[in-house]
């Protein structure tokens, strides 16, 4: 008879762990079925980029010199999209519409330093289209003329890199917002 007591406590322990495991599984299943709360509606203000209905290009609402929207980006990669939409908004007539042709006139990779006020402090070519010095000069002029850029409020200052895709017509796309190539 003494041998049955340890068996009973062993089987009771097994049931306890089985019941605890079953309850944990049910709790995990219930937690997984919960849906996330609805996100708050976006707040529209004058610093939010708009889309030009004629071109479909996103850009700053106020494109006048001396005014730039604030960027909420927390990484240089996220800021790159804000900078590209800013450049597109100021250069709508120069942006190549649609897919680029298979052979481009020039491709350049430019690194841009932006300070806490949106001012361009440095341009550095990581890959310059040396066969097209007029394109290099035009890209640099375009970037400097677009200042002030969106203020990198969450980073203080930022260095971002983008690739300029230049067609022989003088129109361009930035790799960040490109529509692709044929």
C-alpha atoms as a PDB file:
ATOM      1  CA  UNK A   1       0.000   0.000   0.000  1.00  0.00           C
ATOM      2  CA  UNK A   2       2.820   2.489   0.632  1.00  0.00           C
ATOM      3  CA  UNK A   3       3.820   2.232  -3.022  1.00  0.00           C
ATOM      4  CA  UNK A   4       0.565   3.789  -4.265  1.00  0.00           C
ATOM      5  CA  UNK A   5       1.079   7.116  -2.469  1.00  0.00           C
ATOM      6  CA  UNK A   6       4.140   8.165  -4.529  1.00  0.00           C
ATOM      7  CA  UNK A   7       2.336   7.117  -7.702  1.00  0.00           C
ATOM      8  CA  UNK A   8      -0.612   9.307  -6.816  1.00  0.00           C
ATOM      9  CA  UNK A   9       1.521  12.377  -6.161  1.00  0.00           C
ATOM     10  CA  UNK A  10       3.466  11.755  -9.384  1.00  0.00           C
ATOM     11  CA  UNK A  11       0.275  11.501 -11.419  1.00  0.00           C
ATOM     12  CA  UNK A  12      -1.098  14.587  -9.636  1.00  0.00           C
ATOM     13  CA  UNK A  13       2.053  16.517 -10.577  1.00  0.00           C
ATOM     14  CA  UNK A  14       1.724  15.364 -14.191  1.00  0.00           C
ATOM     15  CA  UNK A  15      -1.879  16.527 -14.326  1.00  0.00           C
ATOM     16  CA  UNK A  16      -0.878  19.851 -12.792  1.00  0.00           C
ATOM     17  CA  UNK A  17       1.775  20.467 -15.484  1.00  0.00           C
ATOM     18  CA  UNK A  18      -0.584  19.299 -18.211  1.00  0.00           C
ATOM     19  CA  UNK A  19      -3.302  21.673 -16.971  1.00  0.00           C
ATOM     20  CA  UNK A  20      -0.797  24.567 -16.666  1.00  0.00           C
ATOM     21  CA  UNK A  21       0.488  23.932 -20.196  1.00  0.00           C
ATOM     22  CA  UNK A  22      -3.050  23.768 -21.561  1.00  0.00           C
ATOM     23  CA  UNK A  23      -3.983  27.062 -19.858  1.00  0.00           C
ATOM     24  CA  UNK A  24      -0.834  28.761 -21.195  1.00  0.00           C
ATOM     25  CA  UNK A  25      -1.663  27.561 -24.716  1.00  0.00           C
ATOM     26  CA  UNK A  26      -5.224  28.884 -24.471  1.00  0.00           C
ATOM     27  CA  UNK A  27      -3.943  32.233 -23.143  1.00  0.00           C
ATOM     28  CA  UNK A  28      -1.461  32.509 -26.031  1.00  0.00           C
ATOM     29  CA  UNK A  29      -4.194  31.672 -28.541  1.00  0.00           C
ATOM     30  CA  UNK A  30      -6.538  34.304 -27.097  1.00  0.00           C
ATOM     31  CA  UNK A  31      -3.752  36.917 -27.098  1.00  0.00           C
ATOM     32  CA  UNK A  32      -2.916  36.139 -30.735  1.00  0.00           C
ATOM     33  CA  UNK A  33      -6.540  36.609 -31.779  1.00  0.00           C
ATOM     34  CA  UNK A  34      -6.769  40.113 -30.387  1.00  0.00           C
ATOM     35  CA  UNK A  35      -6.639  42.813 -33.048  1.00  0.00           C
ATOM     36  CA  UNK A  36      -4.471  45.876 -32.716  1.00  0.00           C
ATOM     37  CA  UNK A  37      -6.252  49.150 -31.983  1.00  0.00           C
ATOM     38  CA  UNK A  38      -7.085  51.318 -34.968  1.00  0.00           C
ATOM     39  CA  UNK A  39      -4.335  53.859 -35.692  1.00  0.00           C
ATOM     40  CA  UNK A  40      -5.271  57.492 -35.122  1.00  0.00           C
ATOM     41  CA  UNK A  41      -6.283  59.406 -38.250  1.00  0.00           C
ATOM     42  CA  UNK A  42      -3.414  61.289 -39.921  1.00  0.00           C
ATOM     43  CA  UNK A  43      -3.096  64.925 -39.012  1.00  0.00           C
ATOM     44  CA  UNK A  44      -2.863  67.215 -42.027  1.00  0.00           C
ATOM     45  CA  UNK A  45      -1.030  70.458 -41.644  1.00  0.00           C
ATOM     46  CA  UNK A  46       1.023  72.709 -43.861  1.00  0.00           C
ATOM     47  CA  UNK A  47       4.158  70.637 -43.277  1.00  0.00           C
ATOM     48  CA  UNK A  48       2.617  67.401 -44.564  1.00  0.00           C
ATOM     49  CA  UNK A  49       3.578  66.576 -48.144  1.00  0.00           C
ATOM     50  CA  UNK A  50       0.836  66.797 -50.712  1.00  0.00           C
ATOM     51  CA  UNK A  51       0.444  65.052 -54.020  1.00  0.00           C
ATOM     52  CA  UNK A  52       0.170  67.190 -57.116  1.00  0.00           C
ATOM     53  CA  UNK A  53      -2.927  65.843 -58.946  1.00  0.00           C
ATOM     54  CA  UNK A  54      -1.476  66.804 -62.346  1.00  0.00           C
ATOM     55  CA  UNK A  55       1.798  64.928 -61.946  1.00  0.00           C
ATOM     56  CA  UNK A  56       1.126  62.504 -59.092  1.00  0.00           C
ATOM     57  CA  UNK A  57       4.391  63.698 -57.489  1.00  0.00           C
ATOM     58  CA  UNK A  58       4.519  64.139 -53.741  1.00  0.00           C
ATOM     59  CA  UNK A  59       6.212  67.306 -52.580  1.00  0.00           C
ATOM     60  CA  UNK A  60       6.170  70.066 -49.997  1.00  0.00           C
ATOM     61  CA  UNK A  61       3.062  72.178 -49.748  1.00  0.00           C
ATOM     62  CA  UNK A  62       5.010  75.401 -49.446  1.00  0.00           C
ATOM     63  CA  UNK A  63       7.777  75.293 -52.021  1.00  0.00           C
ATOM     64  CA  UNK A  64       8.880  78.871 -51.658  1.00  0.00           C
ATOM     65  CA  UNK A  65      12.445  79.685 -50.683  1.00  0.00           C
ATOM     66  CA  UNK A  66      12.956  79.938 -46.964  1.00  0.00           C
ATOM     67  CA  UNK A  67      10.245  77.502 -45.969  1.00  0.00           C
ATOM     68  CA  UNK A  68      10.577  73.763 -45.516  1.00  0.00           C
ATOM     69  CA  UNK A  69       8.444  71.233 -43.752  1.00  0.00           C
ATOM     70  CA  UNK A  70       9.711  69.258 -40.796  1.00  0.00           C
ATOM     71  CA  UNK A  71      10.863  65.671 -41.277  1.00  0.00           C
ATOM     72  CA  UNK A  72       9.892  63.111 -38.664  1.00  0.00           C
ATOM     73  CA  UNK A  73      12.500  60.647 -39.985  1.00  0.00           C
ATOM     74  CA  UNK A  74      14.652  58.896 -37.416  1.00  0.00           C
ATOM     75  CA  UNK A  75      17.155  57.365 -39.868  1.00  0.00           C
ATOM     76  CA  UNK A  76      19.052  58.749 -42.860  1.00  0.00           C
ATOM     77  CA  UNK A  77      17.289  56.199 -45.075  1.00  0.00           C
ATOM     78  CA  UNK A  78      13.865  57.501 -43.980  1.00  0.00           C
ATOM     79  CA  UNK A  79      15.034  61.093 -44.423  1.00  0.00           C
ATOM     80  CA  UNK A  80      16.127  60.291 -47.986  1.00  0.00           C
ATOM     81  CA  UNK A  81      12.453  59.890 -48.998  1.00  0.00           C
ATOM     82  CA  UNK A  82      11.566  63.257 -47.456  1.00  0.00           C
ATOM     83  CA  UNK A  83      14.458  64.904 -49.309  1.00  0.00           C
ATOM     84  CA  UNK A  84      13.493  63.221 -52.595  1.00  0.00           C
ATOM     85  CA  UNK A  85       9.863  64.356 -52.338  1.00  0.00           C
ATOM     86  CA  UNK A  86      11.113  67.851 -51.539  1.00  0.00           C
ATOM     87  CA  UNK A  87      13.347  67.876 -54.640  1.00  0.00           C
ATOM     88  CA  UNK A  88      10.545  66.471 -56.821  1.00  0.00           C
ATOM     89  CA  UNK A  89       8.131  69.096 -55.516  1.00  0.00           C
ATOM     90  CA  UNK A  90      10.498  71.896 -56.491  1.00  0.00           C
ATOM     91  CA  UNK A  91      11.444  70.403 -59.871  1.00  0.00           C
ATOM     92  CA  UNK A  92       8.163  68.950 -61.184  1.00  0.00           C
ATOM     93  CA  UNK A  93       8.856  69.989 -64.770  1.00  0.00           C
ATOM     94  CA  UNK A  94      12.285  68.312 -64.721  1.00  0.00           C
ATOM     95  CA  UNK A  95      11.240  64.944 -63.282  1.00  0.00           C
ATOM     96  CA  UNK A  96      11.152  62.169 -65.905  1.00  0.00           C
ATOM     97  CA  UNK A  97       7.591  60.792 -66.074  1.00  0.00           C
ATOM     98  CA  UNK A  98       7.203  57.019 -66.354  1.00  0.00           C
ATOM     99  CA  UNK A  99       9.806  54.303 -66.752  1.00  0.00           C
ATOM    100  CA  UNK A 100      13.286  55.452 -67.705  1.00  0.00           C
ATOM    101  CA  UNK A 101      14.829  54.223 -70.963  1.00  0.00           C
ATOM    102  CA  UNK A 102      17.285  51.310 -70.723  1.00  0.00           C
ATOM    103  CA  UNK A 103      20.308  53.499 -71.508  1.00  0.00           C
ATOM    104  CA  UNK A 104      20.697  56.563 -69.298  1.00  0.00           C
ATOM    105  CA  UNK A 105      22.955  59.487 -70.086  1.00  0.00           C
ATOM    106  CA  UNK A 106      24.358  59.727 -66.551  1.00  0.00           C
ATOM    107  CA  UNK A 107      24.093  58.080 -63.150  1.00  0.00           C
ATOM    108  CA  UNK A 108      25.559  59.671 -60.054  1.00  0.00           C
ATOM    109  CA  UNK A 109      25.545  58.879 -56.349  1.00  0.00           C
ATOM    110  CA  UNK A 110      25.544  61.997 -54.196  1.00  0.00           C
ATOM    111  CA  UNK A 111      25.936  62.269 -50.431  1.00  0.00           C
ATOM    112  CA  UNK A 112      24.322  65.381 -48.921  1.00  0.00           C
ATOM    113  CA  UNK A 113      24.816  66.821 -45.424  1.00  0.00           C
ATOM    114  CA  UNK A 114      21.835  68.726 -44.013  1.00  0.00           C
ATOM    115  CA  UNK A 115      22.114  70.747 -40.797  1.00  0.00           C
ATOM    116  CA  UNK A 116      19.441  71.195 -38.118  1.00  0.00           C
ATOM    117  CA  UNK A 117      17.820  74.075 -40.043  1.00  0.00           C
ATOM    118  CA  UNK A 118      17.572  72.250 -43.394  1.00  0.00           C
ATOM    119  CA  UNK A 119      20.615  73.992 -44.897  1.00  0.00           C
ATOM    120  CA  UNK A 120      22.919  72.039 -47.231  1.00  0.00           C
ATOM    121  CA  UNK A 121      26.362  72.043 -45.604  1.00  0.00           C
ATOM    122  CA  UNK A 122      28.251  69.615 -47.853  1.00  0.00           C
ATOM    123  CA  UNK A 123      27.950  67.696 -51.109  1.00  0.00           C
ATOM    124  CA  UNK A 124      30.171  64.669 -51.696  1.00  0.00           C
ATOM    125  CA  UNK A 125      30.129  62.583 -54.871  1.00  0.00           C
ATOM    126  CA  UNK A 126      30.429  58.871 -54.086  1.00  0.00           C
ATOM    127  CA  UNK A 127      30.103  58.092 -57.797  1.00  0.00           C
ATOM    128  CA  UNK A 128      30.336  61.031 -60.163  1.00  0.00           C
ATOM    129  CA  UNK A 129      29.338  60.840 -63.845  1.00  0.00           C
ATOM    130  CA  UNK A 130      32.750  62.093 -64.981  1.00  0.00           C
ATOM    131  CA  UNK A 131      31.798  61.872 -68.681  1.00  0.00           C
ATOM    132  CA  UNK A 132      29.057  64.472 -68.036  1.00  0.00           C
ATOM    133  CA  UNK A 133      30.481  67.364 -65.993  1.00  0.00           C
ATOM    134  CA  UNK A 134      27.474  69.498 -66.972  1.00  0.00           C
ATOM    135  CA  UNK A 135      25.210  66.981 -65.196  1.00  0.00           C
ATOM    136  CA  UNK A 136      27.384  67.101 -62.057  1.00  0.00           C
ATOM    137  CA  UNK A 137      27.150  70.908 -62.013  1.00  0.00           C
ATOM    138  CA  UNK A 138      23.387  70.848 -62.638  1.00  0.00           C
ATOM    139  CA  UNK A 139      22.693  68.321 -59.883  1.00  0.00           C
ATOM    140  CA  UNK A 140      24.787  70.324 -57.405  1.00  0.00           C
ATOM    141  CA  UNK A 141      22.990  73.529 -58.437  1.00  0.00           C
ATOM    142  CA  UNK A 142      19.589  71.819 -58.089  1.00  0.00           C
ATOM    143  CA  UNK A 143      20.377  70.471 -54.599  1.00  0.00           C
ATOM    144  CA  UNK A 144      21.729  73.800 -53.325  1.00  0.00           C
ATOM    145  CA  UNK A 145      18.756  75.699 -54.820  1.00  0.00           C
ATOM    146  CA  UNK A 146      16.317  73.370 -53.045  1.00  0.00           C
ATOM    147  CA  UNK A 147      17.485  74.495 -49.597  1.00  0.00           C
ATOM    148  CA  UNK A 148      16.140  74.649 -47.031  1.00  0.00           C
ATOM    149  CA  UNK A 149      15.378  70.932 -47.031  1.00  0.00           C
ATOM    150  CA  UNK A 150      12.930  69.360 -44.577  1.00  0.00           C
ATOM    151  CA  UNK A 151      14.291  69.995 -41.091  1.00  0.00           C
ATOM    152  CA  UNK A 152      15.602  66.719 -39.591  1.00  0.00           C
ATOM    153  CA  UNK A 153      14.002  67.518 -36.235  1.00  0.00           C
ATOM    154  CA  UNK A 154      14.411  64.062 -34.681  1.00  0.00           C
ATOM    155  CA  UNK A 155      18.046  63.631 -35.745  1.00  0.00           C
ATOM    156  CA  UNK A 156      19.391  67.169 -35.419  1.00  0.00           C
ATOM    157  CA  UNK A 157      21.407  66.860 -38.620  1.00  0.00           C
ATOM    158  CA  UNK A 158      21.618  64.179 -41.268  1.00  0.00           C
ATOM    159  CA  UNK A 159      23.805  62.843 -44.058  1.00  0.00           C
ATOM    160  CA  UNK A 160      21.805  61.026 -46.698  1.00  0.00           C
ATOM    161  CA  UNK A 161      22.731  59.463 -50.036  1.00  0.00           C
ATOM    162  CA  UNK A 162      20.657  59.214 -53.207  1.00  0.00           C
ATOM    163  CA  UNK A 163      21.291  58.071 -56.748  1.00  0.00           C
ATOM    164  CA  UNK A 164      20.495  60.483 -59.577  1.00  0.00           C
ATOM    165  CA  UNK A 165      19.275  58.835 -62.777  1.00  0.00           C
ATOM    166  CA  UNK A 166      19.733  61.346 -65.630  1.00  0.00           C
ATOM    167  CA  UNK A 167      18.169  61.029 -69.068  1.00  0.00           C
ATOM    168  CA  UNK A 168      19.696  62.637 -72.179  1.00  0.00           C
ATOM    169  CA  UNK A 169      16.621  64.932 -72.313  1.00  0.00           C
ATOM    170  CA  UNK A 170      17.848  66.617 -69.123  1.00  0.00           C
ATOM    171  CA  UNK A 171      15.076  65.067 -67.010  1.00  0.00           C
ATOM    172  CA  UNK A 172      15.872  62.961 -63.959  1.00  0.00           C
ATOM    173  CA  UNK A 173      14.537  60.577 -61.387  1.00  0.00           C
ATOM    174  CA  UNK A 174      15.959  59.822 -57.981  1.00  0.00           C
ATOM    175  CA  UNK A 175      16.468  56.170 -57.133  1.00  0.00           C
ATOM    176  CA  UNK A 176      14.358  56.652 -53.996  1.00  0.00           C
ATOM    177  CA  UNK A 177      11.267  57.530 -56.058  1.00  0.00           C
ATOM    178  CA  UNK A 178      12.093  55.949 -59.398  1.00  0.00           C
ATOM    179  CA  UNK A 179       9.386  54.397 -61.548  1.00  0.00           C
ATOM    180  CA  UNK A 180      11.904  51.878 -62.866  1.00  0.00           C
ATOM    181  CA  UNK A 181      13.473  51.296 -66.256  1.00  0.00           C
ATOM    182  CA  UNK A 182      12.219  49.769 -69.492  1.00  0.00           C
END
